[in-house]
C-alpha cells in the first residue's frame, strides 16, 4: 500500500488565518485535509475549498455535516467532533461507529 499523508485540525475557534495558512501550505501536497469542528467559520467560506469539514459543538451554522466518511484509496476515514460520542469519558461510542 502506498503511503498516504493527511492533515487533521480542529478547534480553530474563529482563527481563519491559521486554517488558511495550513490550507495554502499543504493543499495539493498531501492526500487530504480535514477539519474536525469548532472552526466557528461560515460553511460557505471559500476557505474550505479542498478541506473536509464537520460541525463541532461551538459551530452555530447547521450547514456543516456532523459526520463524514471519506474513502482515501483503501483507507476509510471517519470524521466527527468528539462531543457527539462523549470522548471525554471513553472511546466506546466512537469505536462502535467506526466498526459500522
N, C-alpha and C. Protein backbone atom coordinates (compact mmCIF):
# COMPACT_ATOMS: atom_id res chain seq x y z
N UNK A 1 0.84 -1.18 0.00
CA UNK A 1 0.00 0.00 0.00
C UNK A 1 0.89 1.25 0.00
N UNK A 2 0.53 2.20 -0.83
CA UNK A 2 1.29 3.45 -0.92
C UNK A 2 1.05 4.30 0.33
N UNK A 3 2.06 5.03 0.70
CA UNK A 3 1.96 5.93 1.84
C UNK A 3 0.96 7.05 1.55
N UNK A 4 0.14 7.35 2.54
CA UNK A 4 -0.81 8.45 2.44
C UNK A 4 -0.50 9.46 3.53
N UNK A 5 -0.61 10.73 3.19
CA UNK A 5 -0.35 11.79 4.16
C UNK A 5 -1.59 12.66 4.25
N UNK A 6 -2.05 12.88 5.49
CA UNK A 6 -3.21 13.73 5.71
C UNK A 6 -2.90 14.78 6.78
N UNK A 7 -3.65 15.85 6.75
CA UNK A 7 -3.60 16.88 7.78
C UNK A 7 -4.95 16.86 8.49
N UNK A 8 -4.94 16.81 9.81
CA UNK A 8 -6.16 16.87 10.61
C UNK A 8 -6.01 18.03 11.58
N UNK A 9 -7.01 18.90 11.56
CA UNK A 9 -7.02 20.02 12.50
C UNK A 9 -8.42 20.17 13.07
N UNK A 10 -8.53 20.87 14.16
CA UNK A 10 -9.84 21.18 14.74
C UNK A 10 -9.68 22.32 15.73
N UNK A 11 -10.83 22.77 16.24
CA UNK A 11 -10.86 23.75 17.32
C UNK A 11 -10.05 25.01 17.00
N UNK A 12 -10.20 25.51 15.80
CA UNK A 12 -9.51 26.75 15.44
C UNK A 12 -10.27 27.99 15.94
N UNK A 13 -11.50 27.82 16.36
CA UNK A 13 -12.30 28.85 17.05
C UNK A 13 -12.17 30.24 16.45
N UNK A 14 -12.56 30.35 15.17
CA UNK A 14 -12.61 31.65 14.52
C UNK A 14 -11.31 32.13 13.91
N UNK A 15 -10.23 31.39 14.10
CA UNK A 15 -8.93 31.80 13.57
C UNK A 15 -8.82 31.37 12.11
N UNK A 16 -9.37 32.16 11.23
CA UNK A 16 -9.35 31.81 9.81
C UNK A 16 -7.93 31.87 9.24
N UNK A 17 -7.07 32.67 9.83
CA UNK A 17 -5.71 32.80 9.31
C UNK A 17 -4.92 31.51 9.44
N UNK A 18 -5.07 30.79 10.55
CA UNK A 18 -4.32 29.54 10.71
C UNK A 18 -4.86 28.47 9.76
N UNK A 19 -6.18 28.44 9.58
CA UNK A 19 -6.76 27.48 8.63
C UNK A 19 -6.27 27.80 7.22
N UNK A 20 -6.28 29.06 6.86
CA UNK A 20 -5.82 29.48 5.53
C UNK A 20 -4.34 29.15 5.33
N UNK A 21 -3.54 29.38 6.35
CA UNK A 21 -2.10 29.09 6.26
C UNK A 21 -1.86 27.61 6.03
N UNK A 22 -2.55 26.77 6.79
CA UNK A 22 -2.38 25.33 6.64
C UNK A 22 -2.86 24.89 5.25
N UNK A 23 -4.03 25.38 4.84
CA UNK A 23 -4.55 25.02 3.51
C UNK A 23 -3.58 25.45 2.41
N UNK A 24 -3.13 26.68 2.46
CA UNK A 24 -2.25 27.19 1.41
C UNK A 24 -0.91 26.46 1.38
N UNK A 25 -0.43 26.06 2.52
CA UNK A 25 0.86 25.38 2.59
C UNK A 25 0.78 23.94 2.12
N UNK A 26 -0.34 23.24 2.41
CA UNK A 26 -0.38 21.80 2.19
C UNK A 26 -1.33 21.31 1.11
N UNK A 27 -2.30 22.12 0.68
CA UNK A 27 -3.25 21.67 -0.34
C UNK A 27 -2.50 21.31 -1.62
N UNK A 28 -2.72 20.12 -2.10
CA UNK A 28 -2.02 19.63 -3.29
C UNK A 28 -0.73 18.91 -2.97
N UNK A 29 -0.27 19.01 -1.71
CA UNK A 29 0.97 18.34 -1.30
C UNK A 29 0.69 17.14 -0.41
N UNK A 30 -0.52 17.07 0.14
CA UNK A 30 -0.94 15.94 0.96
C UNK A 30 -2.17 15.32 0.31
N UNK A 31 -2.53 14.12 0.75
CA UNK A 31 -3.65 13.42 0.15
C UNK A 31 -5.01 13.98 0.56
N UNK A 32 -5.10 14.55 1.74
CA UNK A 32 -6.37 15.13 2.20
C UNK A 32 -6.13 16.03 3.39
N UNK A 33 -7.05 16.99 3.56
CA UNK A 33 -7.03 17.88 4.72
C UNK A 33 -8.41 17.83 5.37
N UNK A 34 -8.43 17.68 6.68
CA UNK A 34 -9.68 17.56 7.44
C UNK A 34 -9.72 18.59 8.56
N UNK A 35 -10.90 19.13 8.80
CA UNK A 35 -11.13 19.98 9.97
C UNK A 35 -12.26 19.35 10.76
N UNK A 36 -11.99 18.99 12.00
CA UNK A 36 -12.94 18.21 12.80
C UNK A 36 -13.80 19.06 13.73
N UNK A 37 -14.13 20.26 13.31
CA UNK A 37 -15.13 21.04 14.01
C UNK A 37 -14.59 22.12 14.93
N UNK A 38 -15.52 22.96 15.35
CA UNK A 38 -15.24 24.14 16.16
C UNK A 38 -14.37 25.16 15.43
N UNK A 39 -14.67 25.33 14.15
CA UNK A 39 -13.99 26.39 13.41
C UNK A 39 -14.65 27.73 13.70
N UNK A 40 -15.95 27.71 13.94
CA UNK A 40 -16.76 28.91 14.14
C UNK A 40 -16.74 29.82 12.91
N UNK A 41 -16.47 29.24 11.75
CA UNK A 41 -16.45 29.98 10.49
C UNK A 41 -17.65 29.58 9.64
N UNK A 42 -18.01 30.42 8.69
CA UNK A 42 -19.16 30.15 7.83
C UNK A 42 -18.88 28.93 6.93
N UNK A 43 -19.85 28.05 6.79
CA UNK A 43 -19.64 26.86 5.96
C UNK A 43 -19.51 27.18 4.47
N UNK A 44 -19.99 28.33 4.03
CA UNK A 44 -19.90 28.68 2.61
C UNK A 44 -18.63 29.48 2.29
N UNK A 45 -17.72 29.56 3.23
CA UNK A 45 -16.48 30.30 3.01
C UNK A 45 -15.60 29.60 1.97
N UNK A 46 -15.01 30.35 1.05
CA UNK A 46 -14.07 29.76 0.09
C UNK A 46 -12.84 29.17 0.78
N UNK A 47 -12.65 29.51 2.02
CA UNK A 47 -11.55 28.97 2.81
C UNK A 47 -11.58 27.44 2.85
N UNK A 48 -12.79 26.87 2.77
CA UNK A 48 -12.95 25.42 2.90
C UNK A 48 -12.67 24.65 1.62
N UNK A 49 -12.35 25.33 0.54
CA UNK A 49 -12.07 24.62 -0.70
C UNK A 49 -10.93 23.63 -0.50
N UNK A 50 -11.23 22.36 -0.75
CA UNK A 50 -10.22 21.31 -0.61
C UNK A 50 -10.10 20.74 0.79
N UNK A 51 -10.96 21.16 1.71
CA UNK A 51 -10.91 20.68 3.10
C UNK A 51 -12.24 20.02 3.45
N UNK A 52 -12.18 18.83 4.03
CA UNK A 52 -13.37 18.14 4.52
C UNK A 52 -13.66 18.65 5.93
N UNK A 53 -14.87 19.15 6.16
CA UNK A 53 -15.19 19.83 7.42
C UNK A 53 -16.44 19.24 8.05
N UNK A 54 -16.40 19.03 9.37
CA UNK A 54 -17.59 18.64 10.13
C UNK A 54 -17.89 19.69 11.19
N UNK A 55 -19.08 19.59 11.72
CA UNK A 55 -19.57 20.54 12.72
C UNK A 55 -19.12 20.15 14.12
N UNK A 56 -18.68 21.13 14.89
CA UNK A 56 -18.35 20.92 16.29
C UNK A 56 -19.41 21.52 17.19
N UNK A 57 -19.26 21.35 18.48
CA UNK A 57 -20.26 21.87 19.42
C UNK A 57 -20.26 23.39 19.52
N UNK A 58 -19.24 24.06 18.99
CA UNK A 58 -19.19 25.52 19.00
C UNK A 58 -19.53 26.13 17.64
N UNK A 59 -19.84 25.29 16.67
CA UNK A 59 -20.22 25.77 15.34
C UNK A 59 -21.73 25.98 15.31
N UNK A 60 -22.13 27.22 15.13
CA UNK A 60 -23.54 27.55 15.21
C UNK A 60 -24.25 27.45 13.87
N UNK A 61 -23.50 27.23 12.80
CA UNK A 61 -24.10 27.03 11.48
C UNK A 61 -24.46 25.56 11.33
N UNK A 62 -25.69 25.27 10.99
CA UNK A 62 -26.12 23.87 10.89
C UNK A 62 -25.82 23.27 9.52
N UNK A 63 -25.22 24.04 8.63
CA UNK A 63 -24.93 23.53 7.29
C UNK A 63 -23.76 22.55 7.26
N UNK A 64 -22.99 22.50 8.31
CA UNK A 64 -21.91 21.51 8.37
C UNK A 64 -22.49 20.14 8.69
N UNK A 65 -21.97 19.09 8.08
CA UNK A 65 -22.40 17.75 8.50
C UNK A 65 -21.81 17.41 9.87
N UNK A 66 -22.51 16.59 10.63
CA UNK A 66 -21.98 16.16 11.93
C UNK A 66 -20.95 15.05 11.77
N UNK A 67 -21.07 14.29 10.69
CA UNK A 67 -20.16 13.17 10.45
C UNK A 67 -19.86 13.09 8.96
N UNK A 68 -18.67 12.67 8.65
CA UNK A 68 -18.29 12.40 7.26
C UNK A 68 -17.50 11.10 7.21
N UNK A 69 -17.67 10.39 6.13
CA UNK A 69 -16.86 9.21 5.85
C UNK A 69 -16.20 9.46 4.51
N UNK A 70 -14.89 9.41 4.48
CA UNK A 70 -14.12 9.66 3.27
C UNK A 70 -13.32 8.42 2.93
N UNK A 71 -13.42 7.97 1.71
CA UNK A 71 -12.62 6.85 1.24
C UNK A 71 -11.39 7.43 0.57
N UNK A 72 -10.23 7.15 1.10
CA UNK A 72 -8.97 7.65 0.57
C UNK A 72 -8.15 6.44 0.13
N UNK A 73 -8.29 6.07 -1.13
CA UNK A 73 -7.68 4.83 -1.59
C UNK A 73 -8.29 3.67 -0.82
N UNK A 74 -7.47 2.80 -0.26
CA UNK A 74 -8.01 1.67 0.50
C UNK A 74 -8.39 2.02 1.95
N UNK A 75 -8.18 3.25 2.33
CA UNK A 75 -8.39 3.66 3.72
C UNK A 75 -9.71 4.42 3.87
N UNK A 76 -10.51 3.99 4.85
CA UNK A 76 -11.74 4.70 5.17
C UNK A 76 -11.45 5.60 6.36
N UNK A 77 -11.76 6.89 6.22
CA UNK A 77 -11.54 7.86 7.29
C UNK A 77 -12.90 8.33 7.78
N UNK A 78 -13.14 8.15 9.08
CA UNK A 78 -14.38 8.64 9.67
C UNK A 78 -14.06 9.93 10.41
N UNK A 79 -14.97 10.87 10.31
CA UNK A 79 -14.67 12.21 10.82
C UNK A 79 -15.87 12.74 11.57
N UNK A 80 -15.64 13.23 12.77
CA UNK A 80 -16.66 13.86 13.59
C UNK A 80 -15.98 14.70 14.65
N UNK A 81 -16.76 15.44 15.40
CA UNK A 81 -16.23 16.17 16.55
C UNK A 81 -16.55 15.33 17.79
N UNK A 82 -15.67 15.27 18.73
CA UNK A 82 -15.78 14.35 19.86
C UNK A 82 -17.01 14.49 20.73
N UNK A 83 -17.64 15.67 20.76
CA UNK A 83 -18.78 15.86 21.66
C UNK A 83 -19.94 14.92 21.34
N UNK A 84 -20.04 14.48 20.10
CA UNK A 84 -21.15 13.59 19.73
C UNK A 84 -21.00 12.19 20.31
N UNK A 85 -19.79 11.84 20.70
CA UNK A 85 -19.51 10.49 21.18
C UNK A 85 -18.96 10.46 22.60
N UNK A 86 -19.11 11.54 23.34
CA UNK A 86 -18.69 11.61 24.74
C UNK A 86 -17.25 11.13 24.95
N UNK A 87 -16.33 11.58 24.10
CA UNK A 87 -14.97 11.06 24.19
C UNK A 87 -14.21 11.50 25.44
N UNK A 88 -14.76 12.44 26.19
CA UNK A 88 -14.11 12.82 27.45
C UNK A 88 -14.18 11.70 28.48
N UNK A 89 -15.08 10.76 28.25
CA UNK A 89 -15.27 9.67 29.20
C UNK A 89 -14.66 8.37 28.71
N UNK A 90 -14.90 8.01 27.45
CA UNK A 90 -14.28 6.83 26.85
C UNK A 90 -14.52 6.87 25.34
N UNK A 91 -13.90 5.95 24.64
CA UNK A 91 -14.00 5.92 23.18
C UNK A 91 -14.96 4.86 22.68
N UNK A 92 -15.73 4.24 23.54
CA UNK A 92 -16.58 3.12 23.16
C UNK A 92 -17.60 3.49 22.08
N UNK A 93 -18.32 4.60 22.25
CA UNK A 93 -19.32 5.00 21.25
C UNK A 93 -18.66 5.29 19.90
N UNK A 94 -17.53 5.96 19.94
CA UNK A 94 -16.80 6.26 18.70
C UNK A 94 -16.33 4.97 18.04
N UNK A 95 -15.84 4.05 18.84
CA UNK A 95 -15.38 2.76 18.32
C UNK A 95 -16.53 2.00 17.67
N UNK A 96 -17.71 1.99 18.30
CA UNK A 96 -18.87 1.31 17.72
C UNK A 96 -19.22 1.92 16.36
N UNK A 97 -19.20 3.24 16.26
CA UNK A 97 -19.49 3.88 14.97
C UNK A 97 -18.43 3.50 13.94
N UNK A 98 -17.19 3.48 14.34
CA UNK A 98 -16.10 3.15 13.41
C UNK A 98 -16.23 1.73 12.89
N UNK A 99 -16.78 0.84 13.69
CA UNK A 99 -16.91 -0.56 13.29
C UNK A 99 -18.08 -0.79 12.33
N UNK A 100 -19.00 0.18 12.22
CA UNK A 100 -20.16 0.01 11.33
C UNK A 100 -19.74 -0.06 9.88
